[in-house]
Amino acid sequence: MERAVELNPQDSTSYYLIGEWCYAFADMPWYQRKVAAAIFASPPTSTYDEALKYFEKAEETNPLFYSMNLLMMGKCYLKINDKEKAVKYLKQARDYLVKTPDDQKAHEEAEKLLKDLIS
């Protein structure tokens, strides 16, 4: 994926996919980390800040291109305890015009996260 970004630095989808990968590894429970450590000599690691960096780059190269990118930005901001920015991006994901199943998923998850934040 990083090679794809090198070849086309304006490809927001590649940035999004790298962000998804980073988020998945940052969000991995301890027991899955133990399994990964047994399989890999040096298991992959990442942070929410690193994931956020890629989601932000995707948004910078093509603003509002994908509802799931907005959702993931909101989730990253929640993980790093920046509630104000989390709410901003979760509202954008919730209000994104639903055209695809991904848009519907982003809408529903953002709506639930916002409801949980307000309660």
PDB file of N, CA and C in Angstrom:
ATOM      1  N   MET A   1       0.821  -1.197   0.000  1.00  0.00           N
ATOM      2  CA  MET A   1       0.000   0.000   0.000  1.00  0.00           C
ATOM      3  C   MET A   1       0.863   1.258   0.000  1.00  0.00           C
ATOM      4  N   GLU A   2       1.935   1.236   0.771  1.00  0.00           N
ATOM      5  CA  GLU A   2       2.781   2.431   0.813  1.00  0.00           C
ATOM      6  C   GLU A   2       3.375   2.703  -0.559  1.00  0.00           C
ATOM      7  N   ARG A   3       3.628   1.641  -1.310  1.00  0.00           N
ATOM      8  CA  ARG A   3       4.151   1.810  -2.674  1.00  0.00           C
ATOM      9  C   ARG A   3       3.091   2.491  -3.544  1.00  0.00           C
ATOM     10  N   ALA A   4       1.840   2.158  -3.351  1.00  0.00           N
ATOM     11  CA  ALA A   4       0.757   2.796  -4.107  1.00  0.00           C
ATOM     12  C   ALA A   4       0.727   4.292  -3.833  1.00  0.00           C
ATOM     13  N   VAL A   5       0.949   4.677  -2.587  1.00  0.00           N
ATOM     14  CA  VAL A   5       0.972   6.096  -2.216  1.00  0.00           C
ATOM     15  C   VAL A   5       2.179   6.790  -2.845  1.00  0.00           C
ATOM     16  N   GLU A   6       3.314   6.082  -2.878  1.00  0.00           N
ATOM     17  CA  GLU A   6       4.505   6.651  -3.522  1.00  0.00           C
ATOM     18  C   GLU A   6       4.250   6.897  -5.004  1.00  0.00           C
ATOM     19  N   LEU A   7       3.591   5.953  -5.653  1.00  0.00           N
ATOM     20  CA  LEU A   7       3.326   6.072  -7.087  1.00  0.00           C
ATOM     21  C   LEU A   7       2.260   7.114  -7.395  1.00  0.00           C
ATOM     22  N   ASN A   8       1.289   7.254  -6.505  1.00  0.00           N
ATOM     23  CA  ASN A   8       0.217   8.224  -6.716  1.00  0.00           C
ATOM     24  C   ASN A   8      -0.132   8.886  -5.384  1.00  0.00           C
ATOM     25  N   PRO A   9       0.600   9.942  -5.017  1.00  0.00           N
ATOM     26  CA  PRO A   9       0.374  10.577  -3.720  1.00  0.00           C
ATOM     27  C   PRO A   9      -0.978  11.281  -3.586  1.00  0.00           C
ATOM     28  N   GLN A  10      -1.753  11.344  -4.646  1.00  0.00           N
ATOM     29  CA  GLN A  10      -3.086  11.953  -4.582  1.00  0.00           C
ATOM     30  C   GLN A  10      -4.199  10.915  -4.465  1.00  0.00           C
ATOM     31  N   ASP A  11      -3.824   9.649  -4.253  1.00  0.00           N
ATOM     32  CA  ASP A  11      -4.808   8.567  -4.163  1.00  0.00           C
ATOM     33  C   ASP A  11      -5.346   8.454  -2.739  1.00  0.00           C
ATOM     34  N   SER A  12      -6.465   9.072  -2.502  1.00  0.00           N
ATOM     35  CA  SER A  12      -7.055   9.088  -1.161  1.00  0.00           C
ATOM     36  C   SER A  12      -7.456   7.693  -0.687  1.00  0.00           C
ATOM     37  N   THR A  13      -7.829   6.817  -1.606  1.00  0.00           N
ATOM     38  CA  THR A  13      -8.231   5.465  -1.222  1.00  0.00           C
ATOM     39  C   THR A  13      -7.071   4.698  -0.601  1.00  0.00           C
ATOM     40  N   SER A  14      -5.883   4.853  -1.155  1.00  0.00           N
ATOM     41  CA  SER A  14      -4.711   4.172  -0.581  1.00  0.00           C
ATOM     42  C   SER A  14      -4.428   4.671   0.829  1.00  0.00           C
ATOM     43  N   TYR A  15      -4.515   5.974   1.033  1.00  0.00           N
ATOM     44  CA  TYR A  15      -4.322   6.517   2.384  1.00  0.00           C
ATOM     45  C   TYR A  15      -5.366   5.944   3.343  1.00  0.00           C
ATOM     46  N   TYR A  16      -6.609   5.872   2.878  1.00  0.00           N
ATOM     47  CA  TYR A  16      -7.678   5.324   3.712  1.00  0.00           C
ATOM     48  C   TYR A  16      -7.374   3.873   4.099  1.00  0.00           C
ATOM     49  N   LEU A  17      -6.968   3.073   3.126  1.00  0.00           N
ATOM     50  CA  LEU A  17      -6.703   1.659   3.395  1.00  0.00           C
ATOM     51  C   LEU A  17      -5.540   1.470   4.367  1.00  0.00           C
ATOM     52  N   ILE A  18      -4.502   2.288   4.241  1.00  0.00           N
ATOM     53  CA  ILE A  18      -3.390   2.216   5.193  1.00  0.00           C
ATOM     54  C   ILE A  18      -3.891   2.618   6.584  1.00  0.00           C
ATOM     55  N   GLY A  19      -4.739   3.636   6.639  1.00  0.00           N
ATOM     56  CA  GLY A  19      -5.321   4.045   7.915  1.00  0.00           C
ATOM     57  C   GLY A  19      -6.133   2.931   8.551  1.00  0.00           C
ATOM     58  N   GLU A  20      -6.914   2.225   7.744  1.00  0.00           N
ATOM     59  CA  GLU A  20      -7.706   1.085   8.243  1.00  0.00           C
ATOM     60  C   GLU A  20      -6.787   0.017   8.836  1.00  0.00           C
ATOM     61  N   TRP A  21      -5.698  -0.277   8.127  1.00  0.00           N
ATOM     62  CA  TRP A  21      -4.737  -1.274   8.597  1.00  0.00           C
ATOM     63  C   TRP A  21      -4.154  -0.838   9.939  1.00  0.00           C
ATOM     64  N   CYS A  22      -3.716   0.406  10.012  1.00  0.00           N
ATOM     65  CA  CYS A  22      -3.133   0.930  11.254  1.00  0.00           C
ATOM     66  C   CYS A  22      -4.139   0.869  12.401  1.00  0.00           C
ATOM     67  N   TYR A  23      -5.382   1.260  12.128  1.00  0.00           N
ATOM     68  CA  TYR A  23      -6.419   1.243  13.164  1.00  0.00           C
ATOM     69  C   TYR A  23      -6.655  -0.187  13.660  1.00  0.00           C
ATOM     70  N   ALA A  24      -6.711  -1.134  12.730  1.00  0.00           N
ATOM     71  CA  ALA A  24      -6.957  -2.529  13.108  1.00  0.00           C
ATOM     72  C   ALA A  24      -5.866  -3.041  14.044  1.00  0.00           C
ATOM     73  N   PHE A  25      -4.621  -2.708  13.768  1.00  0.00           N
ATOM     74  CA  PHE A  25      -3.538  -3.174  14.630  1.00  0.00           C
ATOM     75  C   PHE A  25      -3.485  -2.397  15.939  1.00  0.00           C
ATOM     76  N   ALA A  26      -3.829  -1.131  15.909  1.00  0.00           N
ATOM     77  CA  ALA A  26      -3.868  -0.351  17.148  1.00  0.00           C
ATOM     78  C   ALA A  26      -4.989  -0.846  18.059  1.00  0.00           C
ATOM     79  N   ASP A  27      -6.071  -1.315  17.466  1.00  0.00           N
ATOM     80  CA  ASP A  27      -7.264  -1.736  18.203  1.00  0.00           C
ATOM     81  C   ASP A  27      -7.239  -3.221  18.588  1.00  0.00           C
ATOM     82  N   MET A  28      -6.165  -3.908  18.253  1.00  0.00           N
ATOM     83  CA  MET A  28      -6.080  -5.346  18.479  1.00  0.00           C
ATOM     84  C   MET A  28      -6.010  -5.670  19.979  1.00  0.00           C
ATOM     85  N   PRO A  29      -6.887  -6.563  20.455  1.00  0.00           N
ATOM     86  CA  PRO A  29      -6.848  -6.957  21.870  1.00  0.00           C
ATOM     87  C   PRO A  29      -5.534  -7.668  22.214  1.00  0.00           C
ATOM     88  N   TRP A  30      -5.195  -7.682  23.488  1.00  0.00           N
ATOM     89  CA  TRP A  30      -3.922  -8.248  23.938  1.00  0.00           C
ATOM     90  C   TRP A  30      -3.756  -9.705  23.534  1.00  0.00           C
ATOM     91  N   TYR A  31      -4.838 -10.499  23.591  1.00  0.00           N
ATOM     92  CA  TYR A  31      -4.718 -11.922  23.277  1.00  0.00           C
ATOM     93  C   TYR A  31      -4.420 -12.141  21.791  1.00  0.00           C
ATOM     94  N   GLN A  32      -4.944 -11.263  20.925  1.00  0.00           N
ATOM     95  CA  GLN A  32      -4.612 -11.368  19.505  1.00  0.00           C
ATOM     96  C   GLN A  32      -3.164 -10.949  19.262  1.00  0.00           C
ATOM     97  N   ARG A  33      -2.684  -9.995  20.048  1.00  0.00           N
ATOM     98  CA  ARG A  33      -1.270  -9.603  19.949  1.00  0.00           C
ATOM     99  C   ARG A  33      -0.363 -10.786  20.309  1.00  0.00           C
ATOM    100  N   LYS A  34      -0.774 -11.555  21.324  1.00  0.00           N
ATOM    101  CA  LYS A  34       0.009 -12.733  21.725  1.00  0.00           C
ATOM    102  C   LYS A  34       0.058 -13.755  20.594  1.00  0.00           C
ATOM    103  N   VAL A  35      -1.071 -13.984  19.934  1.00  0.00           N
ATOM    104  CA  VAL A  35      -1.116 -14.913  18.807  1.00  0.00           C
ATOM    105  C   VAL A  35      -0.233 -14.393  17.679  1.00  0.00           C
ATOM    106  N   ALA A  36      -0.344 -13.109  17.379  1.00  0.00           N
ATOM    107  CA  ALA A  36       0.481 -12.514  16.319  1.00  0.00           C
ATOM    108  C   ALA A  36       1.959 -12.631  16.657  1.00  0.00           C
ATOM    109  N   ALA A  37       2.310 -12.465  17.925  1.00  0.00           N
ATOM    110  CA  ALA A  37       3.707 -12.575  18.348  1.00  0.00           C
ATOM    111  C   ALA A  37       4.220 -14.000  18.158  1.00  0.00           C
ATOM    112  N   ALA A  38       3.334 -14.982  18.319  1.00  0.00           N
ATOM    113  CA  ALA A  38       3.735 -16.371  18.115  1.00  0.00           C
ATOM    114  C   ALA A  38       3.921 -16.694  16.636  1.00  0.00           C
ATOM    115  N   ILE A  39       3.175 -16.007  15.780  1.00  0.00           N
ATOM    116  CA  ILE A  39       3.235 -16.267  14.339  1.00  0.00           C
ATOM    117  C   ILE A  39       4.361 -15.487  13.672  1.00  0.00           C
ATOM    118  N   PHE A  40       4.487 -14.223  14.028  1.00  0.00           N
ATOM    119  CA  PHE A  40       5.481 -13.350  13.409  1.00  0.00           C
ATOM    120  C   PHE A  40       6.655 -13.155  14.362  1.00  0.00           C
ATOM    121  N   ALA A  41       7.852 -13.095  13.807  1.00  0.00           N
ATOM    122  CA  ALA A  41       9.020 -12.797  14.643  1.00  0.00           C
ATOM    123  C   ALA A  41       8.844 -11.428  15.287  1.00  0.00           C
ATOM    124  N   SER A  42       8.364 -10.497  14.499  1.00  0.00           N
ATOM    125  CA  SER A  42       8.104  -9.142  14.983  1.00  0.00           C
ATOM    126  C   SER A  42       6.720  -8.739  14.491  1.00  0.00           C
ATOM    127  N   PRO A  43       5.690  -8.925  15.322  1.00  0.00           N
ATOM    128  CA  PRO A  43       4.321  -8.644  14.857  1.00  0.00           C
ATOM    129  C   PRO A  43       4.122  -7.168  14.525  1.00  0.00           C
ATOM    130  N   PRO A  44       3.275  -6.902  13.537  1.00  0.00           N
ATOM    131  CA  PRO A  44       3.004  -5.509  13.171  1.00  0.00           C
ATOM    132  C   PRO A  44       2.355  -4.756  14.331  1.00  0.00           C
ATOM    133  N   THR A  45       2.706  -3.496  14.466  1.00  0.00           N
ATOM    134  CA  THR A  45       2.105  -2.643  15.488  1.00  0.00           C
ATOM    135  C   THR A  45       1.731  -1.311  14.853  1.00  0.00           C
ATOM    136  N   SER A  46       0.860  -0.599  15.507  1.00  0.00           N
ATOM    137  CA  SER A  46       0.479   0.730  15.050  1.00  0.00           C
ATOM    138  C   SER A  46      -0.191   1.457  16.209  1.00  0.00           C
ATOM    139  N   THR A  47      -0.545   2.720  15.956  1.00  0.00           N
ATOM    140  CA  THR A  47      -1.218   3.537  16.967  1.00  0.00           C
ATOM    141  C   THR A  47      -2.418   4.223  16.328  1.00  0.00           C
ATOM    142  N   TYR A  48      -3.303   4.731  17.180  1.00  0.00           N
ATOM    143  CA  TYR A  48      -4.445   5.492  16.672  1.00  0.00           C
ATOM    144  C   TYR A  48      -3.973   6.791  16.026  1.00  0.00           C
ATOM    145  N   ASP A  49      -2.924   7.376  16.568  1.00  0.00           N
ATOM    146  CA  ASP A  49      -2.379   8.599  15.971  1.00  0.00           C
ATOM    147  C   ASP A  49      -1.866   8.346  14.559  1.00  0.00           C
ATOM    148  N   GLU A  50      -1.217   7.199  14.370  1.00  0.00           N
ATOM    149  CA  GLU A  50      -0.715   6.858  13.037  1.00  0.00           C
ATOM    150  C   GLU A  50      -1.879   6.631  12.070  1.00  0.00           C
ATOM    151  N   ALA A  51      -2.888   5.917  12.517  1.00  0.00           N
ATOM    152  CA  ALA A  51      -4.069   5.692  11.676  1.00  0.00           C
ATOM    153  C   ALA A  51      -4.711   7.025  11.308  1.00  0.00           C
ATOM    154  N   LEU A  52      -4.855   7.892  12.296  1.00  0.00           N
ATOM    155  CA  LEU A  52      -5.467   9.199  12.068  1.00  0.00           C
ATOM    156  C   LEU A  52      -4.695  10.003  11.039  1.00  0.00           C
ATOM    157  N   LYS A  53      -3.383   9.914  11.077  1.00  0.00           N
ATOM    158  CA  LYS A  53      -2.543  10.632  10.113  1.00  0.00           C
ATOM    159  C   LYS A  53      -2.917  10.236   8.676  1.00  0.00           C
ATOM    160  N   TYR A  54      -3.135   8.949   8.449  1.00  0.00           N
ATOM    161  CA  TYR A  54      -3.494   8.484   7.102  1.00  0.00           C
ATOM    162  C   TYR A  54      -4.927   8.883   6.729  1.00  0.00           C
ATOM    163  N   PHE A  55      -5.847   8.796   7.668  1.00  0.00           N
ATOM    164  CA  PHE A  55      -7.217   9.228   7.380  1.00  0.00           C
ATOM    165  C   PHE A  55      -7.255  10.727   7.065  1.00  0.00           C
ATOM    166  N   GLU A  56      -6.487  11.508   7.807  1.00  0.00           N
ATOM    167  CA  GLU A  56      -6.426  12.954   7.546  1.00  0.00           C
ATOM    168  C   GLU A  56      -5.820  13.238   6.178  1.00  0.00           C
ATOM    169  N   LYS A  57      -4.800  12.477   5.808  1.00  0.00           N
ATOM    170  CA  LYS A  57      -4.168  12.666   4.493  1.00  0.00           C
ATOM    171  C   LYS A  57      -5.164  12.317   3.383  1.00  0.00           C
ATOM    172  N   ALA A  58      -5.944  11.279   3.585  1.00  0.00           N
ATOM    173  CA  ALA A  58      -6.972  10.910   2.606  1.00  0.00           C
ATOM    174  C   ALA A  58      -7.973  12.046   2.449  1.00  0.00           C
ATOM    175  N   GLU A  59      -8.371  12.622   3.567  1.00  0.00           N
ATOM    176  CA  GLU A  59      -9.348  13.720   3.549  1.00  0.00           C
ATOM    177  C   GLU A  59      -8.748  14.964   2.906  1.00  0.00           C
ATOM    178  N   GLU A  60      -7.476  15.196   3.161  1.00  0.00           N
ATOM    179  CA  GLU A  60      -6.786  16.354   2.584  1.00  0.00           C
ATOM    180  C   GLU A  60      -6.685  16.240   1.059  1.00  0.00           C
ATOM    181  N   THR A  61      -6.415  15.036   0.562  1.00  0.00           N
ATOM    182  CA  THR A  61      -6.258  14.865  -0.883  1.00  0.00           C
ATOM    183  C   THR A  61      -7.594  14.880  -1.617  1.00  0.00           C
ATOM    184  N   ASN A  62      -8.668  14.479  -0.930  1.00  0.00           N
ATOM    185  CA  ASN A  62      -9.981  14.439  -1.579  1.00  0.00           C
ATOM    186  C   ASN A  62     -11.071  14.603  -0.511  1.00  0.00           C
ATOM    187  N   PRO A  63     -11.378  15.839  -0.131  1.00  0.00           N
ATOM    188  CA  PRO A  63     -12.336  16.084   0.954  1.00  0.00           C
ATOM    189  C   PRO A  63     -13.701  15.420   0.721  1.00  0.00           C
ATOM    190  N   LEU A  64     -14.204  14.813   1.793  1.00  0.00           N
ATOM    191  CA  LEU A  64     -15.534  14.187   1.805  1.00  0.00           C
ATOM    192  C   LEU A  64     -15.694  13.088   0.756  1.00  0.00           C
ATOM    193  N   PHE A  65     -14.600  12.405   0.413  1.00  0.00           N
ATOM    194  CA  PHE A  65     -14.665  11.395  -0.642  1.00  0.00           C
ATOM    195  C   PHE A  65     -15.341  10.100  -0.206  1.00  0.00           C
ATOM    196  N   TYR A  66     -15.355   9.840   1.127  1.00  0.00           N
ATOM    197  CA  TYR A  66     -15.827   8.537   1.581  1.00  0.00           C
ATOM    198  C   TYR A  66     -16.349   8.656   3.006  1.00  0.00           C
ATOM    199  N   SER A  67     -17.578   8.237   3.196  1.00  0.00           N
ATOM    200  CA  SER A  67     -18.194   8.330   4.522  1.00  0.00           C
ATOM    201  C   SER A  67     -17.436   7.529   5.576  1.00  0.00           C
ATOM    202  N   MET A  68     -16.885   6.392   5.190  1.00  0.00           N
ATOM    203  CA  MET A  68     -16.160   5.558   6.148  1.00  0.00           C
ATOM    204  C   MET A  68     -14.884   6.250   6.631  1.00  0.00           C
ATOM    205  N   ASN A  69     -14.272   7.070   5.788  1.00  0.00           N
ATOM    206  CA  ASN A  69     -13.085   7.814   6.214  1.00  0.00           C
ATOM    207  C   ASN A  69     -13.467   8.803   7.315  1.00  0.00           C
ATOM    208  N   LEU A  70     -14.599   9.473   7.144  1.00  0.00           N
ATOM    209  CA  LEU A  70     -15.075  10.400   8.176  1.00  0.00           C
ATOM    210  C   LEU A  70     -15.366   9.658   9.477  1.00  0.00           C
ATOM    211  N   LEU A  71     -16.009   8.501   9.365  1.00  0.00           N
ATOM    212  CA  LEU A  71     -16.300   7.683  10.541  1.00  0.00           C
ATOM    213  C   LEU A  71     -15.012   7.288  11.255  1.00  0.00           C
ATOM    214  N   MET A  72     -14.035   6.823  10.489  1.00  0.00           N
ATOM    215  CA  MET A  72     -12.788   6.369  11.100  1.00  0.00           C
ATOM    216  C   MET A  72     -12.029   7.523  11.747  1.00  0.00           C
ATOM    217  N   MET A  73     -12.106   8.698  11.155  1.00  0.00           N
ATOM    218  CA  MET A  73     -11.484   9.863  11.792  1.00  0.00           C
ATOM    219  C   MET A  73     -12.153  10.128  13.138  1.00  0.00           C
ATOM    220  N   GLY A  74     -13.477  10.070  13.158  1.00  0.00           N
ATOM    221  CA  GLY A  74     -14.202  10.257  14.414  1.00  0.00           C
ATOM    222  C   GLY A  74     -13.825   9.218  15.454  1.00  0.00           C
ATOM    223  N   LYS A  75     -13.704   7.963  15.033  1.00  0.00           N
ATOM    224  CA  LYS A  75     -13.337   6.897  15.963  1.00  0.00           C
ATOM    225  C   LYS A  75     -11.918   7.086  16.494  1.00  0.00           C
ATOM    226  N   CYS A  76     -10.999   7.516  15.631  1.00  0.00           N
ATOM    227  CA  CYS A  76      -9.627   7.777  16.087  1.00  0.00           C
ATOM    228  C   CYS A  76      -9.615   8.896  17.119  1.00  0.00           C
ATOM    229  N   TYR A  77     -10.340   9.968  16.830  1.00  0.00           N
ATOM    230  CA  TYR A  77     -10.380  11.072  17.793  1.00  0.00           C
ATOM    231  C   TYR A  77     -10.985  10.627  19.122  1.00  0.00           C
ATOM    232  N   LEU A  78     -11.961   9.727  19.082  1.00  0.00           N
ATOM    233  CA  LEU A  78     -12.494   9.177  20.334  1.00  0.00           C
ATOM    234  C   LEU A  78     -11.407   8.421  21.092  1.00  0.00           C
ATOM    235  N   LYS A  79     -10.644   7.608  20.377  1.00  0.00           N
ATOM    236  CA  LYS A  79      -9.600   6.798  21.010  1.00  0.00           C
ATOM    237  C   LYS A  79      -8.503   7.651  21.629  1.00  0.00           C
ATOM    238  N   ILE A  80      -8.237   8.828  21.035  1.00  0.00           N
ATOM    239  CA  ILE A  80      -7.179   9.686  21.593  1.00  0.00           C
ATOM    240  C   ILE A  80      -7.773  10.781  22.488  1.00  0.00           C
ATOM    241  N   ASN A  81      -9.048  10.609  22.835  1.00  0.00           N
ATOM    242  CA  ASN A  81      -9.738  11.485  23.800  1.00  0.00           C
ATOM    243  C   ASN A  81      -9.880  12.936  23.353  1.00  0.00           C
ATOM    244  N   ASP A  82     -10.145  13.141  22.066  1.00  0.00           N
ATOM    245  CA  ASP A  82     -10.457  14.486  21.568  1.00  0.00           C
ATOM    246  C   ASP A  82     -11.931  14.471  21.159  1.00  0.00           C
ATOM    247  N   LYS A  83     -12.788  14.637  22.160  1.00  0.00           N
ATOM    248  CA  LYS A  83     -14.233  14.503  21.960  1.00  0.00           C
ATOM    249  C   LYS A  83     -14.774  15.529  20.965  1.00  0.00           C
ATOM    250  N   GLU A  84     -14.273  16.759  21.017  1.00  0.00           N
ATOM    251  CA  GLU A  84     -14.775  17.814  20.135  1.00  0.00           C
ATOM    252  C   GLU A  84     -14.567  17.455  18.661  1.00  0.00           C
ATOM    253  N   LYS A  85     -13.365  17.018  18.321  1.00  0.00           N
ATOM    254  CA  LYS A  85     -13.105  16.636  16.927  1.00  0.00           C
ATOM    255  C   LYS A  85     -13.830  15.346  16.574  1.00  0.00           C
ATOM    256  N   ALA A  86     -13.945  14.439  17.532  1.00  0.00           N
ATOM    257  CA  ALA A  86     -14.673  13.197  17.281  1.00  0.00           C
ATOM    258  C   ALA A  86     -16.111  13.510  16.884  1.00  0.00           C
ATOM    259  N   VAL A  87     -16.754  14.377  17.633  1.00  0.00           N
ATOM    260  CA  VAL A  87     -18.142  14.751  17.345  1.00  0.00           C
ATOM    261  C   VAL A  87     -18.241  15.387  15.960  1.00  0.00           C
ATOM    262  N   LYS A  88     -17.302  16.250  15.623  1.00  0.00           N
ATOM    263  CA  LYS A  88     -17.314  16.915  14.313  1.00  0.00           C
ATOM    264  C   LYS A  88     -17.338  15.886  13.179  1.00  0.00           C
ATOM    265  N   TYR A  89     -16.427  14.918  13.225  1.00  0.00           N
ATOM    266  CA  TYR A  89     -16.339  13.949  12.129  1.00  0.00           C
ATOM    267  C   TYR A  89     -17.445  12.901  12.188  1.00  0.00           C
ATOM    268  N   LEU A  90     -17.878  12.541  13.373  1.00  0.00           N
ATOM    269  CA  LEU A  90     -18.993  11.604  13.474  1.00  0.00           C
ATOM    270  C   LEU A  90     -20.277  12.228  12.930  1.00  0.00           C
ATOM    271  N   LYS A  91     -20.474  13.513  13.171  1.00  0.00           N
ATOM    272  CA  LYS A  91     -21.650  14.192  12.601  1.00  0.00           C
ATOM    273  C   LYS A  91     -21.565  14.234  11.081  1.00  0.00           C
ATOM    274  N   GLN A  92     -20.371  14.468  10.554  1.00  0.00           N
ATOM    275  CA  GLN A  92     -20.211  14.475   9.094  1.00  0.00           C
ATOM    276  C   GLN A  92     -20.512  13.094   8.514  1.00  0.00           C
ATOM    277  N   ALA A  93     -20.046  12.045   9.192  1.00  0.00           N
ATOM    278  CA  ALA A  93     -20.317  10.680   8.719  1.00  0.00           C
ATOM    279  C   ALA A  93     -21.809  10.369   8.799  1.00  0.00           C
ATOM    280  N   ARG A  94     -22.437  10.780   9.888  1.00  0.00           N
ATOM    281  CA  ARG A  94     -23.877  10.541  10.069  1.00  0.00           C
ATOM    282  C   ARG A  94     -24.693  11.261   9.003  1.00  0.00           C
ATOM    283  N   ASP A  95     -24.287  12.484   8.672  1.00  0.00           N
ATOM    284  CA  ASP A  95     -25.056  13.316   7.751  1.00  0.00           C
ATOM    285  C   ASP A  95     -24.690  13.114   6.284  1.00  0.00           C
ATOM    286  N   TYR A  96     -23.711  12.277   6.013  1.00  0.00           N
ATOM    287  CA  TYR A  96     -23.265  12.004   4.643  1.00  0.00           C
ATOM    288  C   TYR A  96     -24.420  11.378   3.855  1.00  0.00           C
ATOM    289  N   LEU A  97     -24.626  11.822   2.641  1.00  0.00           N
ATOM    290  CA  LEU A  97     -25.705  11.286   1.807  1.00  0.00           C
ATOM    291  C   LEU A  97     -25.502   9.788   1.581  1.00  0.00           C
ATOM    292  N   VAL A  98     -26.473   8.987   1.976  1.00  0.00           N
ATOM    293  CA  VAL A  98     -26.362   7.530   1.866  1.00  0.00           C
ATOM    294  C   VAL A  98     -26.660   7.098   0.434  1.00  0.00           C
ATOM    295  N   LYS A  99     -25.611   6.547  -0.205  1.00  0.00           N
ATOM    296  CA  LYS A  99     -25.754   6.037  -1.571  1.00  0.00           C
ATOM    297  C   LYS A  99     -25.329   4.575  -1.671  1.00  0.00           C
ATOM    298  N   THR A 100     -24.517   4.121  -0.723  1.00  0.00           N
ATOM    299  CA  THR A 100     -23.953   2.771  -0.784  1.00  0.00           C
ATOM    300  C   THR A 100     -24.135   2.075   0.564  1.00  0.00           C
ATOM    301  N   PRO A 101     -23.940   0.753   0.595  1.00  0.00           N
ATOM    302  CA  PRO A 101     -23.990   0.051   1.884  1.00  0.00           C
ATOM    303  C   PRO A 101     -22.946   0.586   2.880  1.00  0.00           C
ATOM    304  N   ASP A 102     -21.772   0.979   2.400  1.00  0.00           N
ATOM    305  CA  ASP A 102     -20.766   1.566   3.292  1.00  0.00           C
ATOM    306  C   ASP A 102     -21.267   2.869   3.900  1.00  0.00           C
ATOM    307  N   ASP A 103     -21.944   3.679   3.088  1.00  0.00           N
ATOM    308  CA  ASP A 103     -22.505   4.932   3.608  1.00  0.00           C
ATOM    309  C   ASP A 103     -23.531   4.642   4.699  1.00  0.00           C
ATOM    310  N   GLN A 104     -24.345   3.622   4.485  1.00  0.00           N
ATOM    311  CA  GLN A 104     -25.359   3.247   5.476  1.00  0.00           C
ATOM    312  C   GLN A 104     -24.694   2.776   6.764  1.00  0.00           C
ATOM    313  N   LYS A 105     -23.652   1.958   6.617  1.00  0.00           N
ATOM    314  CA  LYS A 105     -22.916   1.468   7.790  1.00  0.00           C
ATOM    315  C   LYS A 105     -22.295   2.634   8.556  1.00  0.00           C
ATOM    316  N   ALA A 106     -21.663   3.556   7.833  1.00  0.00           N
ATOM    317  CA  ALA A 106     -21.039   4.721   8.474  1.00  0.00           C
ATOM    318  C   ALA A 106     -22.096   5.553   9.191  1.00  0.00           C
ATOM    319  N   HIS A 107     -23.227   5.757   8.532  1.00  0.00           N
ATOM    320  CA  HIS A 107     -24.329   6.528   9.122  1.00  0.00           C
ATOM    321  C   HIS A 107     -24.782   5.900  10.444  1.00  0.00           C
ATOM    322  N   GLU A 108     -25.048   4.600  10.410  1.00  0.00           N
ATOM    323  CA  GLU A 108     -25.568   3.912  11.593  1.00  0.00           C
ATOM    324  C   GLU A 108     -24.553   3.896  12.735  1.00  0.00           C
ATOM    325  N   GLU A 109     -23.291   3.599  12.410  1.00  0.00           N
ATOM    326  CA  GLU A 109     -22.277   3.539  13.467  1.00  0.00           C
ATOM    327  C   GLU A 109     -22.015   4.923  14.055  1.00  0.00           C
ATOM    328  N   ALA A 110     -21.959   5.937  13.188  1.00  0.00           N
ATOM    329  CA  ALA A 110     -21.741   7.307  13.672  1.00  0.00           C
ATOM    330  C   ALA A 110     -22.900   7.747  14.559  1.00  0.00           C
ATOM    331  N   GLU A 111     -24.111   7.428  14.152  1.00  0.00           N
ATOM    332  CA  GLU A 111     -25.292   7.783  14.942  1.00  0.00           C
ATOM    333  C   GLU A 111     -25.238   7.139  16.330  1.00  0.00           C
ATOM    334  N   LYS A 112     -24.858   5.867  16.380  1.00  0.00           N
ATOM    335  CA  LYS A 112     -24.753   5.159  17.661  1.00  0.00           C
ATOM    336  C   LYS A 112     -23.656   5.772  18.534  1.00  0.00           C
ATOM    337  N   LEU A 113     -22.499   6.043  17.945  1.00  0.00           N
ATOM    338  CA  LEU A 113     -21.399   6.624  18.718  1.00  0.00           C
ATOM    339  C   LEU A 113     -21.769   8.004  19.253  1.00  0.00           C
ATOM    340  N   LEU A 114     -22.439   8.793  18.431  1.00  0.00           N
ATOM    341  CA  LEU A 114     -22.870  10.119  18.882  1.00  0.00           C
ATOM    342  C   LEU A 114     -23.875  10.007  20.022  1.00  0.00           C
ATOM    343  N   LYS A 115     -24.804   9.080  19.891  1.00  0.00           N
ATOM    344  CA  LYS A 115     -25.803   8.869  20.947  1.00  0.00           C
ATOM    345  C   LYS A 115     -25.112   8.473  22.251  1.00  0.00           C
ATOM    346  N   ASP A 116     -24.120   7.578  22.161  1.00  0.00           N
ATOM    347  CA  ASP A 116     -23.375   7.147  23.351  1.00  0.00           C
ATOM    348  C   ASP A 116     -22.592   8.304  23.967  1.00  0.00           C
ATOM    349  N   LEU A 117     -22.075   9.191  23.135  1.00  0.00           N
ATOM    350  CA  LEU A 117     -21.318  10.343  23.633  1.00  0.00           C
ATOM    351  C   LEU A 117     -22.207  11.317  24.391  1.00  0.00           C
ATOM    352  N   ILE A 118     -23.430  11.471  23.903  1.00  0.00           N
ATOM    353  CA  ILE A 118     -24.353  12.440  24.490  1.00  0.00           C
ATOM    354  C   ILE A 118     -24.992  11.893  25.768  1.00  0.00           C
ATOM    355  N   SER A 119     -25.190  10.563  25.850  1.00  0.00           N
ATOM    356  CA  SER A 119     -25.848   9.971  27.028  1.00  0.00           C
ATOM    357  C   SER A 119     -24.949   9.960  28.234  1.00  0.00           C
TER     358      SER A 119
END
